[in-house]
Amino acid sequence: MPGPRSAHRNPVDPPMKPTSYPQEPADLWEHFYQITQIPRPSKHEAQLRDYLTGLADKRGFEHRCDAAGNLLIRVPGSPGREQSPPVAIQNHLDMVTVKDSGIAHDFLKDPLQLAVSEGWLSASGTTLGADNGIGCAAATALMTAPEIEHPPLELLYTVDEETGLGGALNFDPDLLSASVMLNLDTEDWNELYVGCAGGAGFEFRRDYPMAPVAEEQCWQLRLGGLSGGHSGIQIHEQLGNAVKLLAECLEGVAGLRLQAIDAGLAHNVIPREGSVVFACAAGEGEALARRLEEIRARWLAFLPREDAALELALAPAEPGQCLGESDSRRILDLIALLPHGAQAYNLAQPAELVDLSVNLAVLKLAQGALFVETSYRFFDEGQSLPLRASLLALARVFELEVDEVVGYPGWKPDFDSPLLAQASALHKTLFASEPAVKAIHAGLECGILKGKKPDLDILSFGPTIRGAHSPKERLKIDTVQPFWQFLTALLAEL
């Protein structure tokens, strides 16, 4: 994979497409490239929305936005299909914005720098945004490729998916008239998805008194190089959690007094790096430094190979005000007790489909203020109730203030769906193989949208993406052409 950039690009010298950038299908790949050049963090999707409405205006297509900023573009049916029942194509506009440390990339201003390597498309040192940019590109190509046969289309582009599915939660269902919807936001080609997890979470807070350190030594411990990744679809991979590992490093350090902790990024990202500043008794920092390689080797003996780049670094830090030893101990105890990872597996697909999970996503301590964010996912909300109760019990025991994050419903699989039957038969005809029919342990917007329009028959599929929500995100190029072939053939039948 290409190395990271060290500085912003000159705005008068925009990035170029890689020389081996994919060419076919032409409209899809061109729209995806343009999407990667338009900044689109969650809650900042206006520039991309303007790009799409500009394309619609050029062709005279009707478009509307609801109060939340979700965009719907109506594309008339192709010749002879004008009176067919409409089909909705749904994607989200925003992307996760994660970069490698040391990368001077501003996700509010800078275009992504793309690279092709060994059949994969990625971005240098940052997330690629193929989640869900490639689906947006496919939907947009349906608007600009007149040779495609299709019924009337309702292209739905939602906002703020990655930070809590806000666009879908606030979607105005009156915009949609279709009763069939294709969601293009899953990440394994040759798989058809008919269900997704629901989710919820908590934010915990507490203020602790601080005092100046006396003669203790002060240190900063940095942890990096973990893979991180998607807290839903990758939670079963047992990837290292930077919050947990940083706390484990500090076990046994005499006279420990915490000054600051900064680990984790967002509720749906497994923490991949972090740092902690602390004071300790004389000689304890040097003793910890001597143990770091032993600690790293112990972790690597059981962590997956994706975490092989794990690094630990300890350096002297400037003295400052710290928590007392007792409160520092309590924070380490809290981290040790907070659950993380897969909690239950589907009985019909053991070790393949997670039914219940929790992600210890963010932990920050600054000037005595502690902030913890944790999120959990489920197919059956009833199964999540004991986990929810245990998190609230921990909050009571550790006297934390609690803010509950608004949850969202799951999408229960319908294996008798007429749309699924039609799509499965078409896949077998086109590719001489049966598609895998699955549910995904992630919060697709399908569940929310179906809750708002219960008559929707929904199917989700997409090309292969790996490392979503991390700088290792990459798109498998040779899965895009068959994905497009399947999408357009299915629309021709509907």
Protein backbone atom coordinates (compact mmCIF):
# COMPACT_ATOMS: atom_id res chain seq x y z
CA MET A 1 0.00 0.00 0.00
CA PRO A 2 1.29 3.54 -0.70
CA GLY A 3 2.88 5.53 2.09
CA PRO A 4 1.15 8.44 3.83
CA ARG A 5 1.41 12.07 2.83
CA SER A 6 3.16 14.50 5.11
CA ALA A 7 1.48 17.75 4.10
CA HIS A 8 -1.55 19.31 2.43
CA ARG A 9 -1.54 19.49 -1.33
CA ASN A 10 -1.19 22.81 -3.08
CA PRO A 11 -4.78 23.82 -3.97
CA VAL A 12 -3.64 24.88 -7.44
CA ASP A 13 -2.17 21.45 -8.07
CA PRO A 14 -5.11 19.06 -7.52
CA PRO A 15 -4.53 15.32 -7.23
CA MET A 16 -4.63 13.24 -10.35
CA LYS A 17 -6.31 9.91 -10.92
CA PRO A 18 -3.89 7.01 -10.51
CA THR A 19 -2.61 5.91 -13.91
CA SER A 20 -4.26 2.52 -13.37
CA TYR A 21 -7.57 3.95 -12.14
CA PRO A 22 -10.42 1.63 -13.26
CA GLN A 23 -12.27 2.53 -16.47
CA GLU A 24 -15.39 0.35 -16.68
CA PRO A 25 -18.20 0.88 -15.97
CA ALA A 26 -17.22 4.38 -17.01
CA ASP A 27 -19.99 6.46 -15.43
CA LEU A 28 -19.76 4.66 -12.10
CA TRP A 29 -15.99 5.03 -11.79
CA GLU A 30 -16.06 8.68 -12.87
CA HIS A 31 -18.71 9.54 -10.28
CA PHE A 32 -16.78 7.68 -7.60
CA TYR A 33 -13.65 9.65 -8.41
CA GLN A 34 -15.56 12.93 -8.19
CA ILE A 35 -17.07 11.84 -4.88
CA THR A 36 -13.59 11.19 -3.43
CA GLN A 37 -12.59 14.73 -4.35
CA ILE A 38 -15.51 16.31 -2.49
CA PRO A 39 -15.14 16.57 1.32
CA ARG A 40 -18.08 14.86 3.02
CA PRO A 41 -17.69 14.20 6.75
CA SER A 42 -20.89 13.49 8.63
CA LYS A 43 -23.00 16.65 8.92
CA HIS A 44 -20.98 18.28 6.14
CA GLU A 45 -22.53 16.69 3.05
CA ALA A 46 -23.73 19.87 1.34
CA GLN A 47 -20.98 19.97 -1.30
CA LEU A 48 -21.73 16.44 -2.45
CA ARG A 49 -25.46 17.09 -2.37
CA ASP A 50 -24.85 20.12 -4.63
CA TYR A 51 -22.88 17.93 -7.05
CA LEU A 52 -25.79 15.49 -7.30
CA THR A 53 -28.50 18.13 -7.65
CA GLY A 54 -26.42 19.78 -10.35
CA LEU A 55 -26.44 16.53 -12.32
CA ALA A 56 -30.19 16.22 -11.81
CA ASP A 57 -30.86 19.82 -12.85
CA LYS A 58 -28.82 19.35 -16.02
CA ARG A 59 -31.16 16.49 -17.00
CA GLY A 60 -34.38 18.06 -15.78
CA PHE A 61 -34.94 15.50 -13.01
CA GLU A 62 -37.07 16.44 -10.02
CA HIS A 63 -35.32 16.48 -6.64
CA ARG A 64 -36.33 17.29 -3.09
CA CYS A 65 -34.65 17.54 0.31
CA ASP A 66 -36.34 16.96 3.64
CA ALA A 67 -35.65 18.98 6.79
CA ALA A 68 -32.82 16.64 7.80
CA GLY A 69 -30.96 17.20 4.51
CA ASN A 70 -31.74 13.83 2.92
CA LEU A 71 -31.92 14.12 -0.87
CA LEU A 72 -34.33 12.31 -3.20
CA ILE A 73 -33.88 12.47 -6.98
CA ARG A 74 -36.64 11.09 -9.21
CA VAL A 75 -35.41 9.55 -12.46
CA PRO A 76 -38.11 8.69 -15.03
CA GLY A 77 -38.27 5.14 -16.29
CA SER A 78 -36.36 4.31 -19.46
CA PRO A 79 -38.33 4.20 -22.75
CA GLY A 80 -41.12 1.66 -22.43
CA ARG A 81 -40.77 1.49 -18.61
CA GLU A 82 -42.27 4.86 -17.72
CA GLN A 83 -45.36 3.33 -16.05
CA SER A 84 -43.59 0.56 -14.13
CA PRO A 85 -43.75 0.65 -10.32
CA PRO A 86 -40.89 2.78 -8.96
CA VAL A 87 -37.83 1.32 -7.24
CA ALA A 88 -35.85 3.14 -4.56
CA ILE A 89 -32.03 3.01 -4.53
CA GLN A 90 -30.65 4.06 -1.16
CA ASN A 91 -27.17 5.13 0.01
CA HIS A 92 -25.66 7.57 2.49
CA LEU A 93 -23.57 10.59 1.51
CA ASP A 94 -21.19 10.86 4.46
CA MET A 95 -17.98 8.94 5.17
CA VAL A 96 -15.93 8.00 8.23
CA THR A 97 -12.96 10.37 8.48
CA VAL A 98 -10.00 8.51 9.97
CA LYS A 99 -6.34 9.05 9.09
CA ASP A 100 -2.98 7.71 10.13
CA SER A 101 -1.16 9.74 12.80
CA GLY A 102 1.11 12.33 11.24
CA ILE A 103 -1.04 12.76 8.15
CA ALA A 104 -1.83 16.44 7.52
CA HIS A 105 -5.20 15.86 5.87
CA ASP A 106 -8.17 18.15 6.52
CA PHE A 107 -11.34 16.17 5.82
CA LEU A 108 -13.34 19.42 5.61
CA LYS A 109 -11.19 20.77 2.77
CA ASP A 110 -8.87 18.23 1.18
CA PRO A 111 -9.66 15.77 -1.61
CA LEU A 112 -8.55 12.18 -1.11
CA GLN A 113 -5.41 10.93 -2.80
CA LEU A 114 -6.21 7.60 -4.48
CA ALA A 115 -3.92 4.70 -5.19
CA VAL A 116 -4.25 1.32 -6.92
CA SER A 117 -2.26 -1.65 -5.69
CA GLU A 118 -2.64 -5.35 -6.45
CA GLY A 119 -6.26 -5.04 -7.56
CA TRP A 120 -7.42 -2.80 -4.71
CA LEU A 121 -8.28 0.90 -4.67
CA SER A 122 -7.39 2.82 -1.50
CA ALA A 123 -6.56 6.31 -0.26
CA SER A 124 -3.11 7.29 1.00
CA GLY A 125 -3.14 7.37 4.78
CA THR A 126 -6.89 7.99 5.12
CA THR A 127 -10.22 6.25 4.83
CA LEU A 128 -11.34 5.83 1.22
CA GLY A 129 -15.06 6.43 1.73
CA ALA A 130 -16.04 3.50 -0.47
CA ASP A 131 -18.41 3.01 2.46
CA ASN A 132 -20.82 4.24 1.04
CA GLY A 133 -19.35 6.28 -1.81
CA ILE A 134 -19.25 3.38 -4.24
CA GLY A 135 -22.98 2.83 -3.74
CA CYS A 136 -23.62 6.55 -4.25
CA ALA A 137 -21.57 6.37 -7.46
CA ALA A 138 -23.59 3.40 -8.74
CA ALA A 139 -26.90 5.16 -8.02
CA THR A 140 -25.67 8.32 -9.70
CA ALA A 141 -24.50 6.35 -12.74
CA LEU A 142 -28.10 5.17 -13.16
CA MET A 143 -29.01 8.83 -13.55
CA THR A 144 -26.35 9.60 -16.18
CA ALA A 145 -26.11 6.36 -18.21
CA PRO A 146 -29.14 6.53 -20.56
CA GLU A 147 -28.52 3.08 -22.06
CA ILE A 148 -29.58 1.33 -18.82
CA GLU A 149 -33.09 -0.13 -18.79
CA HIS A 150 -34.90 0.59 -15.54
CA PRO A 151 -38.28 1.49 -14.01
CA PRO A 152 -38.82 4.94 -12.48
CA LEU A 153 -36.14 5.39 -9.82
CA GLU A 154 -36.19 7.19 -6.51
CA LEU A 155 -32.53 7.80 -5.68
CA LEU A 156 -32.36 8.38 -1.94
CA TYR A 157 -29.13 9.84 -0.52
CA THR A 158 -29.25 10.13 3.27
CA VAL A 159 -26.98 12.17 5.53
CA ASP A 160 -25.20 11.67 8.84
CA GLU A 161 -25.25 7.87 8.73
CA GLU A 162 -21.83 7.30 10.26
CA THR A 163 -22.41 9.23 13.48
CA GLY A 164 -25.68 7.62 14.50
CA LEU A 165 -27.92 7.17 11.44
CA GLY A 166 -29.29 10.66 11.96
CA GLY A 167 -30.47 11.15 8.39
CA ALA A 168 -32.51 7.96 8.34
CA LEU A 169 -33.91 8.56 11.83
CA ASN A 170 -35.19 11.96 10.73
CA PHE A 171 -36.17 10.97 7.19
CA ASP A 172 -39.51 12.18 5.88
CA PRO A 173 -41.16 8.99 4.53
CA ASP A 174 -43.55 11.02 2.40
CA LEU A 175 -40.68 11.53 -0.05
CA LEU A 176 -40.78 7.85 -1.03
CA SER A 177 -43.52 6.17 -3.04
CA ALA A 178 -41.64 2.96 -3.92
CA SER A 179 -42.44 -0.34 -2.20
CA VAL A 180 -39.17 -1.99 -3.32
CA MET A 181 -35.79 -0.66 -2.15
CA LEU A 182 -32.23 -1.63 -3.01
CA ASN A 183 -29.63 -0.58 -0.44
CA LEU A 184 -26.04 -0.58 -1.78
CA ASP A 185 -24.19 -0.33 1.54
CA THR A 186 -22.92 -3.84 2.27
CA GLU A 187 -19.35 -4.91 1.66
CA ASP A 188 -19.09 -8.49 0.37
CA TRP A 189 -19.78 -9.28 -3.26
CA ASN A 190 -21.78 -12.48 -3.98
CA GLU A 191 -23.76 -11.92 -0.78
CA LEU A 192 -27.33 -10.69 -0.46
CA TYR A 193 -28.32 -9.14 2.87
CA VAL A 194 -31.83 -9.34 4.26
CA GLY A 195 -31.30 -8.16 7.83
CA CYS A 196 -29.18 -5.81 9.93
CA ALA A 197 -28.52 -5.09 13.58
CA GLY A 198 -30.09 -2.39 15.68
CA GLY A 199 -28.05 -0.41 18.12
CA ALA A 200 -27.85 1.95 21.06
CA GLY A 201 -25.23 3.27 23.43
CA PHE A 202 -24.22 5.42 26.36
CA GLU A 203 -21.98 8.37 27.11
CA PHE A 204 -20.58 8.42 30.65
CA ARG A 205 -19.07 11.47 32.38
CA ARG A 206 -17.54 12.38 35.70
CA ASP A 207 -15.31 15.17 37.01
CA TYR A 208 -12.42 14.31 39.31
CA PRO A 209 -10.36 16.65 41.52
CA MET A 210 -6.78 17.27 40.43
CA ALA A 211 -3.69 18.41 42.30
CA PRO A 212 -0.10 19.26 41.34
CA VAL A 213 2.43 16.46 41.41
CA ALA A 214 5.29 16.76 43.84
CA GLU A 215 8.49 14.80 43.17
CA GLU A 216 6.95 12.09 41.01
CA GLN A 217 8.12 11.45 37.50
CA CYS A 218 5.77 12.23 34.60
CA TRP A 219 5.51 10.17 31.43
CA GLN A 220 3.52 9.85 28.22
CA LEU A 221 2.69 6.37 26.92
CA ARG A 222 1.62 6.14 23.27
CA LEU A 223 0.02 3.14 21.61
CA GLY A 224 -0.46 2.89 17.85
CA GLY A 225 -0.41 0.56 14.89
CA LEU A 226 -3.56 -1.39 15.68
CA SER A 227 -5.88 -2.13 12.78
CA GLY A 228 -9.05 -0.73 14.33
CA GLY A 229 -12.04 -1.04 12.02
CA HIS A 230 -15.80 -1.31 11.99
CA SER A 231 -17.32 -2.00 15.39
CA GLY A 232 -20.09 -4.09 13.86
CA ILE A 233 -18.88 -6.23 10.99
CA GLN A 234 -15.38 -6.63 12.46
CA ILE A 235 -16.20 -6.99 16.15
CA HIS A 236 -15.79 -10.78 16.04
CA GLU A 237 -12.23 -10.53 14.66
CA GLN A 238 -10.86 -9.88 18.18
CA LEU A 239 -8.92 -6.82 17.05
CA GLY A 240 -7.01 -5.00 19.75
CA ASN A 241 -8.77 -2.16 21.57
CA ALA A 242 -6.41 0.73 22.37
CA VAL A 243 -8.40 1.77 25.46
CA LYS A 244 -8.15 -1.68 26.99
CA LEU A 245 -4.48 -2.18 26.11
CA LEU A 246 -3.33 1.21 27.40
CA ALA A 247 -4.98 0.54 30.75
CA GLU A 248 -3.45 -2.93 30.91
CA CYS A 249 0.01 -1.43 30.40
CA LEU A 250 -0.37 0.67 33.53
CA GLU A 251 -1.31 -2.19 35.83
CA GLY A 252 1.26 -2.54 38.58
CA VAL A 253 2.81 0.93 38.18
CA ALA A 254 3.35 2.17 41.74
CA GLY A 255 2.13 5.62 42.68
CA LEU A 256 0.17 5.99 39.44
CA ARG A 257 -1.62 9.32 39.05
CA LEU A 258 -3.40 9.97 35.76
CA GLN A 259 -3.10 13.34 34.07
CA ALA A 260 -4.70 12.78 30.64
CA ILE A 261 -6.03 10.00 28.40
CA ASP A 262 -6.95 10.30 24.72
CA ALA A 263 -8.07 7.10 22.99
CA GLY A 264 -10.77 6.29 20.46
CA LEU A 265 -12.53 8.27 17.77
CA ALA A 266 -16.22 7.42 17.33
CA HIS A 267 -18.90 5.05 18.58
CA ASN A 268 -18.66 2.80 15.51
CA VAL A 269 -14.86 2.53 15.31
CA ILE A 270 -12.76 0.06 17.30
CA PRO A 271 -10.09 2.24 18.98
CA ARG A 272 -6.77 1.82 17.15
CA GLU A 273 -4.47 4.30 18.89
CA GLY A 274 -4.24 6.45 21.97
CA SER A 275 -2.07 8.00 24.66
CA VAL A 276 -2.00 8.44 28.40
CA VAL A 277 -0.02 10.95 30.48
CA PHE A 278 0.67 10.00 34.07
CA ALA A 279 2.87 10.54 37.10
CA CYS A 280 4.35 7.69 39.12
CA ALA A 281 6.82 6.87 41.84
CA ALA A 282 10.52 7.31 41.11
CA GLY A 283 11.94 4.52 38.96
CA GLU A 284 8.51 3.18 37.91
CA GLY A 285 8.62 4.81 34.47
CA GLU A 286 11.96 3.25 33.67
CA ALA A 287 10.70 -0.11 34.90
CA LEU A 288 7.66 0.16 32.63
CA ALA A 289 9.89 1.05 29.68
CA ARG A 290 11.84 -2.16 30.22
CA ARG A 291 8.61 -4.19 30.20
CA LEU A 292 7.05 -2.71 27.06
CA GLU A 293 8.57 -5.14 24.59
CA GLU A 294 7.54 -8.06 26.79
CA ILE A 295 3.99 -6.67 26.98
CA ARG A 296 3.88 -6.16 23.21
CA ALA A 297 5.10 -9.71 22.54
CA ARG A 298 2.49 -11.12 24.91
CA TRP A 299 -0.30 -9.27 23.11
CA LEU A 300 0.91 -10.22 19.65
CA ALA A 301 0.80 -13.88 20.67
CA PHE A 302 -3.01 -13.73 20.57
CA LEU A 303 -3.98 -10.62 18.61
CA PRO A 304 -4.84 -11.17 14.91
CA ARG A 305 -2.17 -10.56 12.30
CA GLU A 306 -3.94 -7.33 11.27
CA ASP A 307 -2.58 -5.86 14.53
CA ALA A 308 1.03 -6.90 13.90
CA ALA A 309 2.14 -3.26 13.50
CA LEU A 310 1.29 -2.54 17.15
CA GLU A 311 3.75 -0.08 18.71
CA LEU A 312 4.31 1.19 22.25
CA ALA A 313 6.41 4.23 23.11
CA LEU A 314 7.15 5.82 26.48
CA ALA A 315 8.73 9.26 26.88
CA PRO A 316 9.10 11.84 29.65
CA ALA A 317 6.26 14.37 29.91
CA GLU A 318 5.87 17.79 31.44
CA PRO A 319 4.56 17.72 35.01
CA GLY A 320 1.01 18.93 35.46
CA GLN A 321 -1.97 18.50 37.67
CA CYS A 322 -3.05 14.88 38.12
CA LEU A 323 -5.79 12.83 39.70
CA GLY A 324 -5.09 11.22 43.03
CA GLU A 325 -3.96 7.62 43.25
CA SER A 326 -7.37 6.39 44.42
CA ASP A 327 -9.28 8.02 41.55
CA SER A 328 -6.64 6.85 39.07
CA ARG A 329 -7.10 3.31 40.32
CA ARG A 330 -10.86 3.61 39.92
CA ILE A 331 -10.53 4.66 36.28
CA LEU A 332 -8.30 1.68 35.53
CA ASP A 333 -10.84 -0.57 37.26
CA LEU A 334 -13.64 0.95 35.19
CA ILE A 335 -11.77 0.26 31.95
CA ALA A 336 -11.06 -3.30 33.03
CA LEU A 337 -14.74 -3.94 33.82
CA LEU A 338 -16.34 -2.26 30.81
CA PRO A 339 -17.25 -5.04 28.33
CA HIS A 340 -15.96 -5.05 24.76
CA GLY A 341 -16.41 -7.46 21.85
CA ALA A 342 -18.85 -10.13 20.72
CA GLN A 343 -21.23 -11.16 23.49
CA ALA A 344 -23.46 -13.73 21.74
CA TYR A 345 -23.53 -15.55 18.40
CA ASN A 346 -26.45 -16.54 16.22
CA LEU A 347 -27.57 -20.06 17.04
CA ALA A 348 -28.27 -20.88 13.39
CA GLN A 349 -24.85 -19.63 12.23
CA PRO A 350 -22.47 -20.10 15.17
CA ALA A 351 -19.11 -18.32 14.88
CA GLU A 352 -20.33 -16.61 11.70
CA LEU A 353 -22.98 -14.13 12.74
CA VAL A 354 -22.75 -12.10 15.94
CA ASP A 355 -26.12 -11.52 17.59
CA LEU A 356 -24.96 -9.15 20.34
CA SER A 357 -21.81 -7.04 20.74
CA VAL A 358 -20.44 -3.98 22.51
CA ASN A 359 -17.67 -1.55 21.56
CA LEU A 360 -15.73 0.39 24.20
CA ALA A 361 -15.24 3.17 21.68
CA VAL A 362 -13.85 6.32 23.29
CA LEU A 363 -12.20 7.24 26.57
CA LYS A 364 -10.85 10.71 27.26
CA LEU A 365 -9.57 12.37 30.42
CA ALA A 366 -8.72 16.07 30.25
CA GLN A 367 -8.35 18.50 33.16
CA GLY A 368 -10.12 16.07 35.46
CA ALA A 369 -13.11 15.50 33.15
CA LEU A 370 -13.68 11.86 32.20
CA PHE A 371 -15.68 10.96 29.08
CA VAL A 372 -16.49 7.40 28.02
CA GLU A 373 -18.52 6.32 24.99
CA THR A 374 -19.71 2.77 24.48
CA SER A 375 -22.16 1.35 21.94
CA TYR A 376 -23.87 -1.99 21.52
CA ARG A 377 -25.57 -3.81 18.62
CA PHE A 378 -28.30 -6.46 18.51
CA PHE A 379 -30.75 -8.24 16.23
CA ASP A 380 -33.25 -8.85 19.01
CA GLU A 381 -33.46 -5.89 21.37
CA GLY A 382 -34.66 -8.17 24.16
CA GLN A 383 -31.35 -10.03 24.08
CA SER A 384 -29.50 -6.75 24.68
CA LEU A 385 -31.34 -5.88 27.90
CA PRO A 386 -28.94 -7.67 30.32
CA LEU A 387 -25.95 -6.02 28.61
CA ARG A 388 -27.66 -2.65 28.88
CA ALA A 389 -28.36 -3.31 32.56
CA SER A 390 -24.72 -4.21 33.25
CA LEU A 391 -23.48 -0.98 31.64
CA LEU A 392 -25.89 1.06 33.75
CA ALA A 393 -24.86 -0.88 36.86
CA LEU A 394 -21.23 0.03 36.21
CA ALA A 395 -22.24 3.67 35.86
CA ARG A 396 -23.94 3.53 39.28
CA VAL A 397 -21.03 1.80 40.98
CA PHE A 398 -18.51 4.30 39.56
CA GLU A 399 -20.87 7.27 40.10
CA LEU A 400 -20.91 8.33 36.46
CA GLU A 401 -23.37 10.68 34.81
CA VAL A 402 -25.21 8.88 32.01
CA ASP A 403 -26.50 10.12 28.66
CA GLU A 404 -28.25 7.47 26.60
CA VAL A 405 -27.64 7.66 22.86
CA VAL A 406 -30.81 7.40 20.80
CA GLY A 407 -31.07 3.85 19.48
CA TYR A 408 -32.30 2.52 16.18
CA PRO A 409 -34.21 -0.62 15.25
CA GLY A 410 -32.86 -3.72 13.58
CA TRP A 411 -34.09 -5.12 10.27
CA LYS A 412 -35.31 -8.65 10.89
CA PRO A 413 -34.57 -11.03 8.01
CA ASP A 414 -37.42 -11.98 5.69
CA PHE A 415 -36.30 -15.13 3.92
CA ASP A 416 -39.64 -15.34 2.11
CA SER A 417 -39.21 -11.96 0.45
CA PRO A 418 -40.26 -11.98 -3.25
CA LEU A 419 -37.44 -9.55 -3.98
CA LEU A 420 -34.90 -11.93 -2.41
CA ALA A 421 -36.22 -14.86 -4.45
CA GLN A 422 -36.02 -12.88 -7.69
CA ALA A 423 -32.53 -11.56 -6.94
CA SER A 424 -31.19 -14.99 -5.94
CA ALA A 425 -32.47 -16.55 -9.17
CA LEU A 426 -30.95 -13.74 -11.24
CA HIS A 427 -27.57 -14.09 -9.50
CA LYS A 428 -27.51 -17.79 -10.30
CA THR A 429 -28.38 -17.09 -13.94
CA LEU A 430 -25.72 -14.40 -14.36
CA PHE A 431 -22.87 -15.96 -12.40
CA ALA A 432 -23.71 -19.69 -12.23
CA SER A 433 -23.57 -19.66 -8.45
CA GLU A 434 -25.94 -19.28 -5.54
CA PRO A 435 -25.44 -16.05 -3.59
CA ALA A 436 -24.96 -16.26 0.15
CA VAL A 437 -28.02 -14.91 1.95
CA LYS A 438 -27.05 -13.17 5.18
CA ALA A 439 -27.81 -10.62 7.83
CA ILE A 440 -25.15 -8.11 8.87
CA HIS A 441 -24.09 -7.18 12.39
CA ALA A 442 -24.08 -3.48 11.56
CA GLY A 443 -26.55 -0.64 11.59
CA LEU A 444 -27.75 -0.29 8.04
CA GLU A 445 -30.39 2.34 7.51
CA CYS A 446 -32.75 -0.33 6.17
CA GLY A 447 -34.25 -1.11 9.56
CA ILE A 448 -35.07 2.53 10.25
CA LEU A 449 -36.51 3.13 6.79
CA LYS A 450 -38.62 -0.03 6.97
CA GLY A 451 -39.89 1.12 10.35
CA LYS A 452 -41.05 4.33 8.68
CA LYS A 453 -42.46 2.49 5.60
CA PRO A 454 -43.40 -1.05 6.69
CA ASP A 455 -44.46 -2.02 3.16
CA LEU A 456 -40.88 -1.77 1.85
CA ASP A 457 -39.35 -4.99 0.48
CA ILE A 458 -35.62 -4.40 0.90
CA LEU A 459 -32.45 -6.06 -0.36
CA SER A 460 -28.87 -4.93 0.30
CA PHE A 461 -25.72 -5.80 -1.65
CA GLY A 462 -22.47 -4.23 -2.80
CA PRO A 463 -18.91 -4.83 -4.01
CA THR A 464 -16.17 -6.03 -1.67
CA ILE A 465 -14.72 -3.50 0.79
CA ARG A 466 -12.17 -4.29 3.47
CA GLY A 467 -10.95 -2.23 6.44
CA ALA A 468 -13.93 0.14 6.47
CA HIS A 469 -13.71 2.87 9.13
CA SER A 470 -9.91 2.70 9.12
CA PRO A 471 -7.07 4.12 6.98
CA LYS A 472 -6.68 0.60 5.59
CA GLU A 473 -10.07 0.82 3.85
CA ARG A 474 -9.85 -0.55 0.32
CA LEU A 475 -12.19 -1.50 -2.51
CA LYS A 476 -11.68 -4.68 -4.54
CA ILE A 477 -11.78 -3.41 -8.09
CA ASP A 478 -12.78 -6.60 -9.88
CA THR A 479 -15.99 -6.89 -7.82
CA VAL A 480 -17.37 -3.58 -9.04
CA GLN A 481 -18.12 -4.68 -12.63
CA PRO A 482 -20.22 -7.74 -11.61
CA PHE A 483 -21.92 -5.65 -8.90
CA TRP A 484 -22.94 -3.15 -11.58
CA GLN A 485 -23.99 -5.93 -13.95
CA PHE A 486 -26.20 -7.45 -11.26
CA LEU A 487 -27.72 -4.11 -10.23
CA THR A 488 -28.63 -3.12 -13.78
CA ALA A 489 -29.95 -6.59 -14.68
CA LEU A 490 -32.11 -6.63 -11.57
CA LEU A 491 -33.55 -3.22 -12.39
CA ALA A 492 -34.33 -4.41 -15.90
CA GLU A 493 -36.46 -7.20 -14.36
CA LEU A 494 -38.23 -5.17 -11.67
